C-alpha atoms as a PDB file:
ATOM      1  CA  MET A   1       6.033  11.783  20.323  1.00  0.00           C
ATOM      2  CA  ALA A   2       4.563  12.034  16.928  1.00  0.00           C
ATOM      3  CA  LEU A   3       6.262  14.784  15.240  1.00  0.00           C
ATOM      4  CA  SER A   4       9.144  14.316  17.067  1.00  0.00           C
ATOM      5  CA  LEU A   5       9.452   9.904  16.067  1.00  0.00           C
ATOM      6  CA  PHE A   6      10.271  11.490  12.356  1.00  0.00           C
ATOM      7  CA  ASN A   7      11.288  14.591  12.934  1.00  0.00           C
ATOM      8  CA  THR A   8       8.231  16.161  10.742  1.00  0.00           C
ATOM      9  CA  GLN A   9       5.975  18.915  11.113  1.00  0.00           C
ATOM     10  CA  GLN A  10       2.792  17.524  10.607  1.00  0.00           C
ATOM     11  CA  PRO A  11       1.878  13.995  12.147  1.00  0.00           C
ATOM     12  CA  LEU A  12       0.899  12.420   9.010  1.00  0.00           C
ATOM     13  CA  ILE A  13       1.926  10.032   6.780  1.00  0.00           C
ATOM     14  CA  GLN A  14       1.286   9.765   2.882  1.00  0.00           C
ATOM     15  CA  ALA A  15       0.655   5.905   2.285  1.00  0.00           C
ATOM     16  CA  PRO A  16       2.893   4.438  -0.385  1.00  0.00           C
ATOM     17  CA  MET A  17       0.646   3.525  -3.551  1.00  0.00           C
ATOM     18  CA  ALA A  18       2.596   1.316  -5.953  1.00  0.00           C
ATOM     19  CA  GLY A  19       1.185   2.041  -9.172  1.00  0.00           C
ATOM     20  CA  VAL A  20      -0.351   5.784  -9.081  1.00  0.00           C
ATOM     21  CA  GLN A  21       2.843   7.404  -7.959  1.00  0.00           C
ATOM     22  CA  ASP A  22       7.254   7.592  -8.286  1.00  0.00           C
ATOM     23  CA  PHE A  23       9.322   9.743  -6.263  1.00  0.00           C
ATOM     24  CA  ARG A  24       7.348  13.013  -6.897  1.00  0.00           C
ATOM     25  CA  LEU A  25       4.817  12.578  -4.700  1.00  0.00           C
ATOM     26  CA  ALA A  26       6.797  11.600  -1.893  1.00  0.00           C
ATOM     27  CA  ALA A  27       8.941  14.690  -1.702  1.00  0.00           C
ATOM     28  CA  ALA A  28       6.284  16.904  -2.186  1.00  0.00           C
ATOM     29  CA  VAL A  29       4.397  15.752   1.103  1.00  0.00           C
ATOM     30  CA  SER A  30       7.989  15.233   2.955  1.00  0.00           C
ATOM     31  CA  ASN A  31       8.890  19.053   1.872  1.00  0.00           C
ATOM     32  CA  ALA A  32       4.973  19.831   2.989  1.00  0.00           C
ATOM     33  CA  GLY A  33       5.778  18.439   6.502  1.00  0.00           C
ATOM     34  CA  GLY A  34       4.581  15.625   6.127  1.00  0.00           C
ATOM     35  CA  LEU A  35       6.315  12.148   6.018  1.00  0.00           C
ATOM     36  CA  GLY A  36       6.739  11.077   2.350  1.00  0.00           C
ATOM     37  CA  SER A  37       6.440   7.251   0.950  1.00  0.00           C
ATOM     38  CA  LEU A  38       7.800   5.844  -1.960  1.00  0.00           C
ATOM     39  CA  PRO A  39       7.128   2.045  -2.732  1.00  0.00           C
ATOM     40  CA  CYS A  40       9.484  -0.317  -3.473  1.00  0.00           C
ATOM     41  CA  ALA A  41       8.846  -3.318  -3.751  1.00  0.00           C
ATOM     42  CA  MET A  42       7.574  -3.483  -7.570  1.00  0.00           C
ATOM     43  CA  LEU A  43      11.391  -1.852  -8.329  1.00  0.00           C
ATOM     44  CA  SER A  44      14.417  -3.132  -9.970  1.00  0.00           C
ATOM     45  CA  LYS A  45      17.403  -2.851  -7.902  1.00  0.00           C
ATOM     46  CA  GLU A  46      17.726  -0.036 -10.956  1.00  0.00           C
ATOM     47  CA  GLN A  47      14.196   1.538 -10.723  1.00  0.00           C
ATOM     48  CA  LEU A  48      14.778   1.879  -6.737  1.00  0.00           C
ATOM     49  CA  LEU A  49      18.106   3.204  -7.297  1.00  0.00           C
ATOM     50  CA  SER A  50      16.814   5.952  -9.628  1.00  0.00           C
ATOM     51  CA  GLU A  51      14.304   6.456  -7.445  1.00  0.00           C
ATOM     52  CA  LEU A  52      15.261   7.039  -4.721  1.00  0.00           C
ATOM     53  CA  THR A  53      18.198   9.321  -5.679  1.00  0.00           C
ATOM     54  CA  ALA A  54      15.997  11.650  -7.378  1.00  0.00           C
ATOM     55  CA  LEU A  55      14.511  11.784  -3.906  1.00  0.00           C
ATOM     56  CA  THR A  56      16.941  12.874  -2.329  1.00  0.00           C
ATOM     57  CA  GLN A  57      17.559  15.278  -5.042  1.00  0.00           C
ATOM     58  CA  ALA A  58      14.110  16.766  -4.511  1.00  0.00           C
ATOM     59  CA  THR A  59      14.040  16.722  -0.624  1.00  0.00           C
ATOM     60  CA  ASN A  60      15.782  17.478   2.037  1.00  0.00           C
ATOM     61  CA  LYS A  61      13.110  16.223   4.716  1.00  0.00           C
ATOM     62  CA  PRO A  62      12.591  12.881   6.284  1.00  0.00           C
ATOM     63  CA  TYR A  63      10.901  10.474   3.865  1.00  0.00           C
ATOM     64  CA  ASN A  64      10.077   6.817   4.353  1.00  0.00           C
ATOM     65  CA  LEU A  65      10.284   3.719   1.779  1.00  0.00           C
ATOM     66  CA  ASN A  66       8.423   0.894   1.724  1.00  0.00           C
ATOM     67  CA  PHE A  67       8.959  -2.872   1.157  1.00  0.00           C
ATOM     68  CA  PHE A  68       7.411  -5.942   1.168  1.00  0.00           C
ATOM     69  CA  CYS A  69       8.531  -8.862   3.153  1.00  0.00           C
ATOM     70  CA  HIS A  70       6.227 -11.617   2.651  1.00  0.00           C
ATOM     71  CA  THR A  71       7.667 -15.274   2.305  1.00  0.00           C
ATOM     72  CA  PRO A  72       7.156 -16.222  -1.379  1.00  0.00           C
ATOM     73  CA  ALA A  73       4.438 -18.812  -1.908  1.00  0.00           C
ATOM     74  CA  CYS A  74       5.097 -21.885  -4.131  1.00  0.00           C
ATOM     75  CA  TYR A  75       3.384 -21.587  -7.593  1.00  0.00           C
ATOM     76  CA  THR A  76       2.441 -24.766  -9.498  1.00  0.00           C
ATOM     77  CA  GLN A  77       1.406 -26.137 -12.619  1.00  0.00           C
ATOM     78  CA  PRO A  78      -1.855 -27.180 -11.246  1.00  0.00           C
ATOM     79  CA  GLN A  79      -1.964 -24.237  -9.857  1.00  0.00           C
ATOM     80  CA  LYS A  80      -1.760 -22.215 -13.096  1.00  0.00           C
ATOM     81  CA  GLN A  81      -4.026 -24.716 -14.838  1.00  0.00           C
ATOM     82  CA  GLN A  82      -6.611 -24.014 -12.446  1.00  0.00           C
ATOM     83  CA  TRP A  83      -6.284 -20.056 -12.467  1.00  0.00           C
ATOM     84  CA  HIS A  84      -6.414 -20.142 -16.418  1.00  0.00           C
ATOM     85  CA  GLN A  85      -9.249 -22.469 -16.764  1.00  0.00           C
ATOM     86  CA  LEU A  86     -11.410 -19.509 -14.916  1.00  0.00           C
ATOM     87  CA  LEU A  87     -10.007 -16.784 -17.036  1.00  0.00           C
ATOM     88  CA  ALA A  88     -10.355 -18.809 -20.257  1.00  0.00           C
ATOM     89  CA  PRO A  89     -12.933 -16.786 -21.843  1.00  0.00           C
ATOM     90  CA  TYR A  90     -11.092 -13.337 -21.235  1.00  0.00           C
ATOM     91  CA  PHE A  91      -8.236 -15.118 -22.683  1.00  0.00           C
ATOM     92  CA  ILE A  92     -10.830 -15.931 -25.804  1.00  0.00           C
ATOM     93  CA  GLU A  93     -12.260 -12.606 -25.603  1.00  0.00           C
ATOM     94  CA  LEU A  94      -8.951 -10.773 -25.797  1.00  0.00           C
ATOM     95  CA  GLY A  95      -6.787 -12.857 -27.879  1.00  0.00           C
ATOM     96  CA  ILE A  96      -3.851 -13.805 -25.553  1.00  0.00           C
ATOM     97  CA  ASP A  97      -1.990 -16.931 -25.893  1.00  0.00           C
ATOM     98  CA  ASP A  98      -2.134 -17.935 -21.815  1.00  0.00           C
ATOM     99  CA  SER A  99       0.734 -20.783 -22.507  1.00  0.00           C
ATOM    100  CA  SER A 100       2.992 -17.379 -22.909  1.00  0.00           C
ATOM    101  CA  LEU A 101       2.361 -16.472 -19.512  1.00  0.00           C
ATOM    102  CA  GLY A 102       5.492 -17.230 -17.099  1.00  0.00           C
ATOM    103  CA  MET A 103       5.341 -18.424 -13.467  1.00  0.00           C
ATOM    104  CA  THR A 104       7.271 -15.589 -12.090  1.00  0.00           C
ATOM    105  CA  ALA A 105       5.831 -11.973 -10.255  1.00  0.00           C
ATOM    106  CA  SER A 106       7.299  -9.177  -9.858  1.00  0.00           C
ATOM    107  CA  ARG A 107       6.729  -8.102  -6.523  1.00  0.00           C
ATOM    108  CA  GLN A 108       9.550  -9.726  -4.240  1.00  0.00           C
ATOM    109  CA  PRO A 109      10.375  -9.259  -0.469  1.00  0.00           C
ATOM    110  CA  ILE A 110      13.452  -6.985   0.533  1.00  0.00           C
ATOM    111  CA  ASP A 111      16.620  -8.770   0.259  1.00  0.00           C
ATOM    112  CA  ALA A 112      20.408  -7.995   1.537  1.00  0.00           C
ATOM    113  CA  ASP A 113      21.608  -7.048  -1.774  1.00  0.00           C
ATOM    114  CA  THR A 114      18.384  -4.341  -1.707  1.00  0.00           C
ATOM    115  CA  VAL A 115      19.304  -3.020   1.799  1.00  0.00           C
ATOM    116  CA  ALA A 116      23.000  -2.377   0.711  1.00  0.00           C
ATOM    117  CA  LEU A 117      21.838  -0.771  -2.441  1.00  0.00           C
ATOM    118  CA  ILE A 118      19.544   2.074   0.462  1.00  0.00           C
ATOM    119  CA  ALA A 119      22.468   2.056   3.018  1.00  0.00           C
ATOM    120  CA  PRO A 120      24.502   4.861   1.709  1.00  0.00           C
ATOM    121  CA  PHE A 121      21.445   7.387   1.519  1.00  0.00           C
ATOM    122  CA  LYS A 122      20.726   5.742   5.602  1.00  0.00           C
ATOM    123  CA  PRO A 123      16.909   6.555   4.789  1.00  0.00           C
ATOM    124  CA  PRO A 124      15.127   8.136   7.873  1.00  0.00           C
ATOM    125  CA  VAL A 125      12.456   5.489   8.238  1.00  0.00           C
ATOM    126  CA  VAL A 126      11.791   2.156   6.538  1.00  0.00           C
ATOM    127  CA  SER A 127       8.203   0.522   6.115  1.00  0.00           C
ATOM    128  CA  PHE A 128       6.972  -2.817   5.434  1.00  0.00           C
ATOM    129  CA  HIS A 129       3.821  -4.843   4.474  1.00  0.00           C
ATOM    130  CA  PHE A 130       3.146  -8.165   5.342  1.00  0.00           C
ATOM    131  CA  GLY A 131       5.161  -8.446   9.258  1.00  0.00           C
ATOM    132  CA  LEU A 132       8.978  -7.621   9.243  1.00  0.00           C
ATOM    133  CA  PRO A 133      12.036  -9.135   7.766  1.00  0.00           C
ATOM    134  CA  ALA A 134      14.861 -10.902   9.176  1.00  0.00           C
ATOM    135  CA  ALA A 135      16.275  -9.320  12.333  1.00  0.00           C
ATOM    136  CA  ALA A 136      19.555  -8.840  10.791  1.00  0.00           C
ATOM    137  CA  ILE A 137      17.823  -6.347   8.053  1.00  0.00           C
ATOM    138  CA  VAL A 138      15.676  -4.855  10.594  1.00  0.00           C
ATOM    139  CA  GLN A 139      19.258  -4.259  12.815  1.00  0.00           C
ATOM    140  CA  GLN A 140      20.775  -2.841   9.802  1.00  0.00           C
ATOM    141  CA  ILE A 141      18.171  -0.230   9.309  1.00  0.00           C
ATOM    142  CA  LYS A 142      18.580   0.795  13.309  1.00  0.00           C
ATOM    143  CA  SER A 143      22.336   0.716  12.463  1.00  0.00           C
ATOM    144  CA  TRP A 144      22.472   4.287  10.465  1.00  0.00           C
ATOM    145  CA  GLY A 145      19.754   5.743  12.447  1.00  0.00           C
ATOM    146  CA  GLY A 146      16.433   4.307  10.307  1.00  0.00           C
ATOM    147  CA  LYS A 147      13.381   3.853  12.150  1.00  0.00           C
ATOM    148  CA  VAL A 148      11.272   0.581  11.266  1.00  0.00           C
ATOM    149  CA  ILE A 149       7.807   0.449  10.960  1.00  0.00           C
ATOM    150  CA  SER A 150       5.061  -1.906   9.949  1.00  0.00           C
ATOM    151  CA  THR A 151       1.357  -2.545   9.252  1.00  0.00           C
ATOM    152  CA  ALA A 152      -0.826  -4.842  11.772  1.00  0.00           C
ATOM    153  CA  THR A 153      -4.377  -5.402  10.585  1.00  0.00           C
ATOM    154  CA  THR A 154      -5.591  -6.908  14.207  1.00  0.00           C
ATOM    155  CA  VAL A 155      -4.340  -6.524  17.748  1.00  0.00           C
ATOM    156  CA  ASP A 156      -2.135  -9.826  17.736  1.00  0.00           C
ATOM    157  CA  GLU A 157       0.214  -8.851  14.663  1.00  0.00           C
ATOM    158  CA  ALA A 158       0.274  -5.064  16.226  1.00  0.00           C
ATOM    159  CA  LYS A 159       2.139  -6.951  19.055  1.00  0.00           C
ATOM    160  CA  TRP A 160       3.926  -8.836  17.331  1.00  0.00           C
ATOM    161  CA  LEU A 161       5.213  -6.464  15.698  1.00  0.00           C
ATOM    162  CA  GLU A 162       6.464  -4.578  18.649  1.00  0.00           C
ATOM    163  CA  ALA A 163       7.990  -7.652  20.007  1.00  0.00           C
ATOM    164  CA  ASN A 164      10.173  -8.040  17.201  1.00  0.00           C
ATOM    165  CA  GLY A 165      11.620  -4.395  16.675  1.00  0.00           C
ATOM    166  CA  ALA A 166       9.318  -1.825  14.642  1.00  0.00           C
ATOM    167  CA  ASP A 167       8.885   1.633  16.489  1.00  0.00           C
ATOM    168  CA  ALA A 168       5.828   2.246  15.668  1.00  0.00           C
ATOM    169  CA  VAL A 169       2.640  -0.015  14.170  1.00  0.00           C
ATOM    170  CA  ILE A 170       0.439   1.185  11.226  1.00  0.00           C
ATOM    171  CA  ALA A 171      -3.115   0.130  12.383  1.00  0.00           C
ATOM    172  CA  GLN A 172      -4.436  -0.687   9.078  1.00  0.00           C
ATOM    173  CA  GLY A 173      -8.143  -0.153   9.498  1.00  0.00           C
ATOM    174  CA  LEU A 174     -10.753  -2.070   7.380  1.00  0.00           C
ATOM    175  CA  GLU A 175     -11.800   0.753   5.054  1.00  0.00           C
ATOM    176  CA  ALA A 176      -7.735   1.016   3.498  1.00  0.00           C
ATOM    177  CA  GLY A 177      -7.521   0.864   0.023  1.00  0.00           C
ATOM    178  CA  GLY A 178      -5.044  -1.340  -1.310  1.00  0.00           C
ATOM    179  CA  HIS A 179      -3.795  -4.172  -0.013  1.00  0.00           C
ATOM    180  CA  ARG A 180      -4.308  -5.700   3.354  1.00  0.00           C
ATOM    181  CA  GLY A 181      -0.918  -6.015   5.409  1.00  0.00           C
ATOM    182  CA  HIS A 182      -1.778  -8.873   7.686  1.00  0.00           C
ATOM    183  CA  PHE A 183       0.304 -11.906   7.972  1.00  0.00           C
ATOM    184  CA  LEU A 184      -0.397 -14.057  11.335  1.00  0.00           C
ATOM    185  CA  SER A 185      -3.552 -15.041   9.867  1.00  0.00           C
ATOM    186  CA  MET A 186      -5.613 -14.839   6.525  1.00  0.00           C
ATOM    187  CA  ASP A 187      -9.061 -15.096   8.316  1.00  0.00           C
ATOM    188  CA  LEU A 188     -10.513 -11.990   7.234  1.00  0.00           C
ATOM    189  CA  SER A 189     -12.963 -12.687   9.670  1.00  0.00           C
ATOM    190  CA  LEU A 190     -10.614 -10.654  12.321  1.00  0.00           C
ATOM    191  CA  GLN A 191     -10.741  -8.078  10.081  1.00  0.00           C
ATOM    192  CA  GLN A 192     -11.638  -4.631  11.922  1.00  0.00           C
ATOM    193  CA  PRO A 193     -12.882  -0.923  11.268  1.00  0.00           C
ATOM    194  CA  THR A 194      -9.947   1.415  11.544  1.00  0.00           C
ATOM    195  CA  THR A 195     -11.470   2.983  15.421  1.00  0.00           C
ATOM    196  CA  LYS A 196     -11.572   0.134  16.938  1.00  0.00           C
ATOM    197  CA  LEU A 197      -8.182  -1.375  15.365  1.00  0.00           C
ATOM    198  CA  VAL A 198      -6.444   1.908  16.638  1.00  0.00           C
ATOM    199  CA  GLU A 199      -8.325   2.003  20.366  1.00  0.00           C
ATOM    200  CA  GLN A 200      -7.582  -1.744  20.663  1.00  0.00           C
ATOM    201  CA  CYS A 201      -3.804  -1.382  19.637  1.00  0.00           C
ATOM    202  CA  VAL A 202      -3.041   2.027  21.821  1.00  0.00           C
ATOM    203  CA  ARG A 203      -4.010  -0.013  24.553  1.00  0.00           C
ATOM    204  CA  GLU A 204      -2.118  -2.744  24.266  1.00  0.00           C
ATOM    205  CA  LEU A 205       1.112  -1.624  22.958  1.00  0.00           C
ATOM    206  CA  ASN A 206       3.698   0.635  23.803  1.00  0.00           C
ATOM    207  CA  ILE A 207       5.291   2.119  20.795  1.00  0.00           C
ATOM    208  CA  ALA A 208       3.595   4.920  18.234  1.00  0.00           C
ATOM    209  CA  VAL A 209       0.074   3.408  16.949  1.00  0.00           C
ATOM    210  CA  ILE A 210      -0.310   5.339  13.323  1.00  0.00           C
ATOM    211  CA  ALA A 211      -4.206   5.189  12.155  1.00  0.00           C
ATOM    212  CA  ALA A 212      -4.819   4.443   8.587  1.00  0.00           C
ATOM    213  CA  GLY A 213      -8.026   3.299   6.651  1.00  0.00           C
ATOM    214  CA  GLY A 214     -11.104   5.927   5.809  1.00  0.00           C
ATOM    215  CA  ILE A 215      -9.276   9.008   7.035  1.00  0.00           C
ATOM    216  CA  ALA A 216     -10.099  11.844   4.562  1.00  0.00           C
ATOM    217  CA  THR A 217     -10.882  14.765   6.366  1.00  0.00           C
ATOM    218  CA  VAL A 218      -9.473  17.139   9.034  1.00  0.00           C
ATOM    219  CA  GLU A 219     -11.862  15.782  11.463  1.00  0.00           C
ATOM    220  CA  ASP A 220     -11.087  12.314  10.614  1.00  0.00           C
ATOM    221  CA  VAL A 221      -7.642  12.916  11.887  1.00  0.00           C
ATOM    222  CA  LYS A 222      -7.927  14.739  14.767  1.00  0.00           C
ATOM    223  CA  GLN A 223     -10.679  11.555  15.497  1.00  0.00           C
ATOM    224  CA  MET A 224      -7.816   9.559  15.481  1.00  0.00           C
ATOM    225  CA  HIS A 225      -5.420  11.775  17.699  1.00  0.00           C
ATOM    226  CA  SER A 226      -8.057  11.426  20.339  1.00  0.00           C
ATOM    227  CA  LEU A 227      -8.466   7.976  19.737  1.00  0.00           C
ATOM    228  CA  GLY A 228      -5.055   8.053  20.747  1.00  0.00           C
ATOM    229  CA  ALA A 229      -2.860   7.211  17.563  1.00  0.00           C
ATOM    230  CA  ALA A 230       0.338   9.603  17.421  1.00  0.00           C
ATOM    231  CA  LEU A 231      -0.097   9.856  12.954  1.00  0.00           C
ATOM    232  CA  VAL A 232      -2.384   8.707  10.604  1.00  0.00           C
ATOM    233  CA  GLN A 233      -1.331   7.430   7.066  1.00  0.00           C
ATOM    234  CA  VAL A 234      -3.466   8.524   4.055  1.00  0.00           C
ATOM    235  CA  GLY A 235      -3.526   7.256   1.000  1.00  0.00           C
ATOM    236  CA  SER A 236      -6.410   7.727  -1.454  1.00  0.00           C
ATOM    237  CA  ALA A 237      -6.966  11.405  -0.673  1.00  0.00           C
ATOM    238  CA  TYR A 238      -3.868  11.808  -2.759  1.00  0.00           C
ATOM    239  CA  LEU A 239      -4.725   9.543  -5.582  1.00  0.00           C
ATOM    240  CA  LEU A 240      -6.038  13.206  -7.904  1.00  0.00           C
ATOM    241  CA  CYS A 241      -3.166  14.850  -6.970  1.00  0.00           C
ATOM    242  CA  GLN A 242      -0.848  16.898  -9.446  1.00  0.00           C
ATOM    243  CA  GLU A 243       1.893  14.505  -8.059  1.00  0.00           C
ATOM    244  CA  VAL A 244       0.761  11.356  -9.444  1.00  0.00           C
ATOM    245  CA  THR A 245       0.749   8.892 -11.953  1.00  0.00           C
ATOM    246  CA  THR A 246      -2.762   7.352 -11.808  1.00  0.00           C
ATOM    247  CA  SER A 247      -3.908   6.209 -14.724  1.00  0.00           C
ATOM    248  CA  ALA A 248      -6.601   7.965 -16.665  1.00  0.00           C
ATOM    249  CA  LEU A 249      -8.559   4.732 -16.844  1.00  0.00           C
ATOM    250  CA  HIS A 250      -7.983   4.597 -12.874  1.00  0.00           C
ATOM    251  CA  ARG A 251      -9.113   8.701 -12.408  1.00  0.00           C
ATOM    252  CA  ASP A 252     -12.417   7.670 -14.163  1.00  0.00           C
ATOM    253  CA  ALA A 253     -13.179   5.002 -12.116  1.00  0.00           C
ATOM    254  CA  ILE A 254     -12.725   7.113  -8.770  1.00  0.00           C
ATOM    255  CA  LEU A 255     -14.461   9.898 -10.335  1.00  0.00           C
ATOM    256  CA  GLN A 256     -17.239   7.838 -11.502  1.00  0.00           C
ATOM    257  CA  GLN A 257     -17.515   5.481  -8.588  1.00  0.00           C
ATOM    258  CA  PRO A 258     -21.041   5.275  -6.641  1.00  0.00           C
ATOM    259  CA  VAL A 259     -21.135   5.313  -2.702  1.00  0.00           C
ATOM    260  CA  ASN A 260     -20.185   1.953  -1.081  1.00  0.00           C
ATOM    261  CA  SER A 261     -18.399   1.167  -4.593  1.00  0.00           C
ATOM    262  CA  THR A 262     -15.216  -0.517  -3.268  1.00  0.00           C
ATOM    263  CA  ALA A 263     -14.719  -4.119  -2.049  1.00  0.00           C
ATOM    264  CA  LEU A 264     -11.458  -6.623  -0.634  1.00  0.00           C
ATOM    265  CA  THR A 265     -10.706  -8.567  -3.468  1.00  0.00           C
ATOM    266  CA  THR A 266      -7.668 -11.826  -4.082  1.00  0.00           C
ATOM    267  CA  ILE A 267      -8.674 -11.339  -7.968  1.00  0.00           C
ATOM    268  CA  PHE A 268      -5.475  -8.979  -8.859  1.00  0.00           C
ATOM    269  CA  SER A 269      -2.466 -10.639  -6.875  1.00  0.00           C
ATOM    270  CA  GLY A 270      -4.029 -13.426  -4.520  1.00  0.00           C
ATOM    271  CA  ARG A 271      -4.134 -11.463  -1.776  1.00  0.00           C
ATOM    272  CA  ALA A 272      -7.275  -9.238  -0.079  1.00  0.00           C
ATOM    273  CA  ALA A 273      -6.982  -5.562  -1.491  1.00  0.00           C
ATOM    274  CA  ARG A 274      -9.788  -3.066  -1.763  1.00  0.00           C
ATOM    275  CA  GLY A 275     -10.168  -1.200  -4.736  1.00  0.00           C
ATOM    276  CA  ILE A 276     -13.220  -0.454  -7.149  1.00  0.00           C
ATOM    277  CA  GLU A 277     -15.077  -2.803  -8.355  1.00  0.00           C
ATOM    278  CA  ASN A 278     -15.278  -3.238 -11.807  1.00  0.00           C
ATOM    279  CA  ARG A 279     -16.056  -6.180 -14.325  1.00  0.00           C
ATOM    280  CA  ILE A 280     -14.115  -9.109 -13.615  1.00  0.00           C
ATOM    281  CA  MET A 281     -15.216  -8.650  -9.329  1.00  0.00           C
ATOM    282  CA  ARG A 282     -18.396  -8.981 -10.524  1.00  0.00           C
ATOM    283  CA  GLU A 283     -18.671 -11.399 -12.789  1.00  0.00           C
ATOM    284  CA  LEU A 284     -15.677 -13.837 -10.784  1.00  0.00           C
ATOM    285  CA  GLY A 285     -16.834 -12.767  -7.264  1.00  0.00           C
ATOM    286  CA  THR A 286     -14.346 -10.866  -5.376  1.00  0.00           C
ATOM    287  CA  MET A 287     -12.596 -13.900  -3.681  1.00  0.00           C
ATOM    288  CA  PRO A 288     -12.317 -16.842  -6.005  1.00  0.00           C
ATOM    289  CA  GLN A 289     -11.083 -20.437  -4.640  1.00  0.00           C
ATOM    290  CA  GLN A 290      -9.021 -20.654  -7.914  1.00  0.00           C
ATOM    291  CA  ALA A 291      -6.625 -17.455  -7.198  1.00  0.00           C
ATOM    292  CA  PRO A 292      -3.696 -18.574  -6.697  1.00  0.00           C
ATOM    293  CA  ALA A 293      -1.190 -17.200  -3.560  1.00  0.00           C
ATOM    294  CA  PHE A 294       0.298 -13.736  -3.770  1.00  0.00           C
ATOM    295  CA  PRO A 295       1.651 -12.388  -6.018  1.00  0.00           C
ATOM    296  CA  PHE A 296       1.096 -15.025  -8.889  1.00  0.00           C
ATOM    297  CA  ALA A 297      -2.542 -14.021  -9.456  1.00  0.00           C
ATOM    298  CA  SER A 298      -1.075 -10.868 -11.143  1.00  0.00           C
ATOM    299  CA  ILE A 299       0.893 -12.520 -13.960  1.00  0.00           C
ATOM    300  CA  ALA A 300      -2.766 -13.471 -15.863  1.00  0.00           C
ATOM    301  CA  LEU A 301      -4.111 -10.721 -14.621  1.00  0.00           C
ATOM    302  CA  SER A 302      -1.853  -8.024 -15.730  1.00  0.00           C
ATOM    303  CA  ALA A 303      -1.659  -9.179 -19.331  1.00  0.00           C
ATOM    304  CA  LEU A 304      -5.004  -8.925 -19.093  1.00  0.00           C
ATOM    305  CA  ARG A 305      -5.294  -5.741 -17.923  1.00  0.00           C
ATOM    306  CA  ALA A 306      -2.873  -4.802 -20.739  1.00  0.00           C
ATOM    307  CA  LYS A 307      -5.031  -5.808 -23.529  1.00  0.00           C
ATOM    308  CA  SER A 308      -8.012  -4.452 -22.193  1.00  0.00           C
ATOM    309  CA  GLU A 309      -6.252  -0.823 -21.144  1.00  0.00           C
ATOM    310  CA  ALA A 310      -5.141  -0.483 -24.620  1.00  0.00           C
ATOM    311  CA  GLN A 311      -8.963  -0.992 -25.773  1.00  0.00           C
ATOM    312  CA  GLY A 312      -9.468   1.920 -23.037  1.00  0.00           C
ATOM    313  CA  LYS A 313     -11.104  -0.216 -20.776  1.00  0.00           C
ATOM    314  CA  SER A 314     -10.780  -0.720 -16.970  1.00  0.00           C
ATOM    315  CA  ASP A 315     -12.079  -4.021 -16.828  1.00  0.00           C
ATOM    316  CA  PHE A 316      -9.228  -5.878 -15.695  1.00  0.00           C
ATOM    317  CA  SER A 317      -7.515  -3.182 -13.648  1.00  0.00           C
ATOM    318  CA  PRO A 318      -6.607  -3.364  -9.908  1.00  0.00           C
ATOM    319  CA  LEU A 319      -8.473   0.006  -9.497  1.00  0.00           C
ATOM    320  CA  TRP A 320      -7.128   0.438  -5.700  1.00  0.00           C
ATOM    321  CA  CYS A 321      -8.815   3.364  -3.695  1.00  0.00           C
ATOM    322  CA  GLY A 322     -10.043   3.484  -0.028  1.00  0.00           C
ATOM    323  CA  GLN A 323     -14.040   3.190   1.678  1.00  0.00           C
ATOM    324  CA  LYS A 324     -14.007   7.134   2.446  1.00  0.00           C
ATOM    325  CA  TYR A 325     -13.273   8.949  -0.678  1.00  0.00           C
ATOM    326  CA  ILE A 326     -13.686  12.783  -0.952  1.00  0.00           C
ATOM    327  CA  VAL A 327     -12.549  14.288  -4.928  1.00  0.00           C
ATOM    328  CA  ARG A 328     -10.125  16.886  -4.380  1.00  0.00           C
ATOM    329  CA  ASP A 329      -8.863  16.700  -8.279  1.00  0.00           C
ATOM    330  CA  ALA A 330      -6.038  18.487  -9.250  1.00  0.00           C
ATOM    331  CA  PHE A 331      -4.936  19.278  -5.744  1.00  0.00           C
ATOM    332  CA  SER A 332      -1.376  19.634  -4.710  1.00  0.00           C
ATOM    333  CA  ALA A 333      -0.009  17.213  -2.446  1.00  0.00           C
ATOM    334  CA  ALA A 334       1.067  20.355  -0.803  1.00  0.00           C
ATOM    335  CA  GLU A 335      -2.924  21.165  -0.553  1.00  0.00           C
ATOM    336  CA  ILE A 336      -3.806  18.115   0.527  1.00  0.00           C
ATOM    337  CA  THR A 337      -1.308  17.501   3.290  1.00  0.00           C
ATOM    338  CA  LYS A 338      -2.353  20.968   4.527  1.00  0.00           C
ATOM    339  CA  LEU A 339      -5.405  20.008   4.684  1.00  0.00           C
ATOM    340  CA  LEU A 340      -5.452  17.261   6.977  1.00  0.00           C
ATOM    341  CA  ALA A 341      -3.224  19.045   9.082  1.00  0.00           C
ATOM    342  CA  PRO A 342      -4.719  19.661  12.450  1.00  0.00           C
ATOM    343  CA  ASP A 343      -2.836  22.701  13.574  1.00  0.00           C
ATOM    344  CA  ASN A 344      -4.413  24.453  10.287  1.00  0.00           C
ATOM    345  CA  ALA A 345      -7.939  23.244  10.675  1.00  0.00           C
END
């Protein structure tokens, strides 16, 4: 079932990781027998067309396109003022005129125009974060033979995804790096470790379960299969491989991080995401109540990040990384995919 679901040689999906990859990582993983993923939520229409064209020229194997499908929240002047008041000392420190910062953010949900753009390529798999888009979009993807998958962080979310047309569910445990995919409730106390969530999803669902979070070794992969997961999704394991675009500052933070140094934070985007603790997380706390809703917190943080990174510092950078990390510096994506393949162990 696992391999036939996406027509791959290995039961492994490379997690889409916006900000640290382009088409090259996705192509490399697909060519190595896994399912490579291209993060598309932060790409303009022109960038998406360019990346998708390059990806399909670099591989003839199945691949996955990943999109956000959140319902955009409102961002008001009072919310902006409250957020900027908290960040004021940093604006002063870095010489930023916060009145120049706008009210729009780059993370946009998928829409009909985007679907029309990707439709001629007939992508084999389309995945979503924060639920599923409108039923018409789901059906359009399925009309060209595409598989639709999405992330669940609770059993209730997994059951909702199954009921609304998902062909498989990614069970995202607390250990996973990057943004949480929760969408039915923002209550983080409902979030569970990967093993527990996978067990519950396998028991409750009639579609394939994909385990995500804390999977760094072939033993982890085998454990998830033993729990009933059809596939695993792995992201952080690829963070230092040859095909990524991970910045030097991000790389240094990964290589130098102490044990158990990641935390969930809403600072960088307004939604909970796991990354390596840095200065702003330590000084403001990981979940400041002044942070505006997703994705509007990122407007101010992007300005702080740019100034700080220009000084060679990652004080305000989102250093996404999973809770369990094993350094595999300068490995190729193919080598990492092979390392995590149960049949090669």
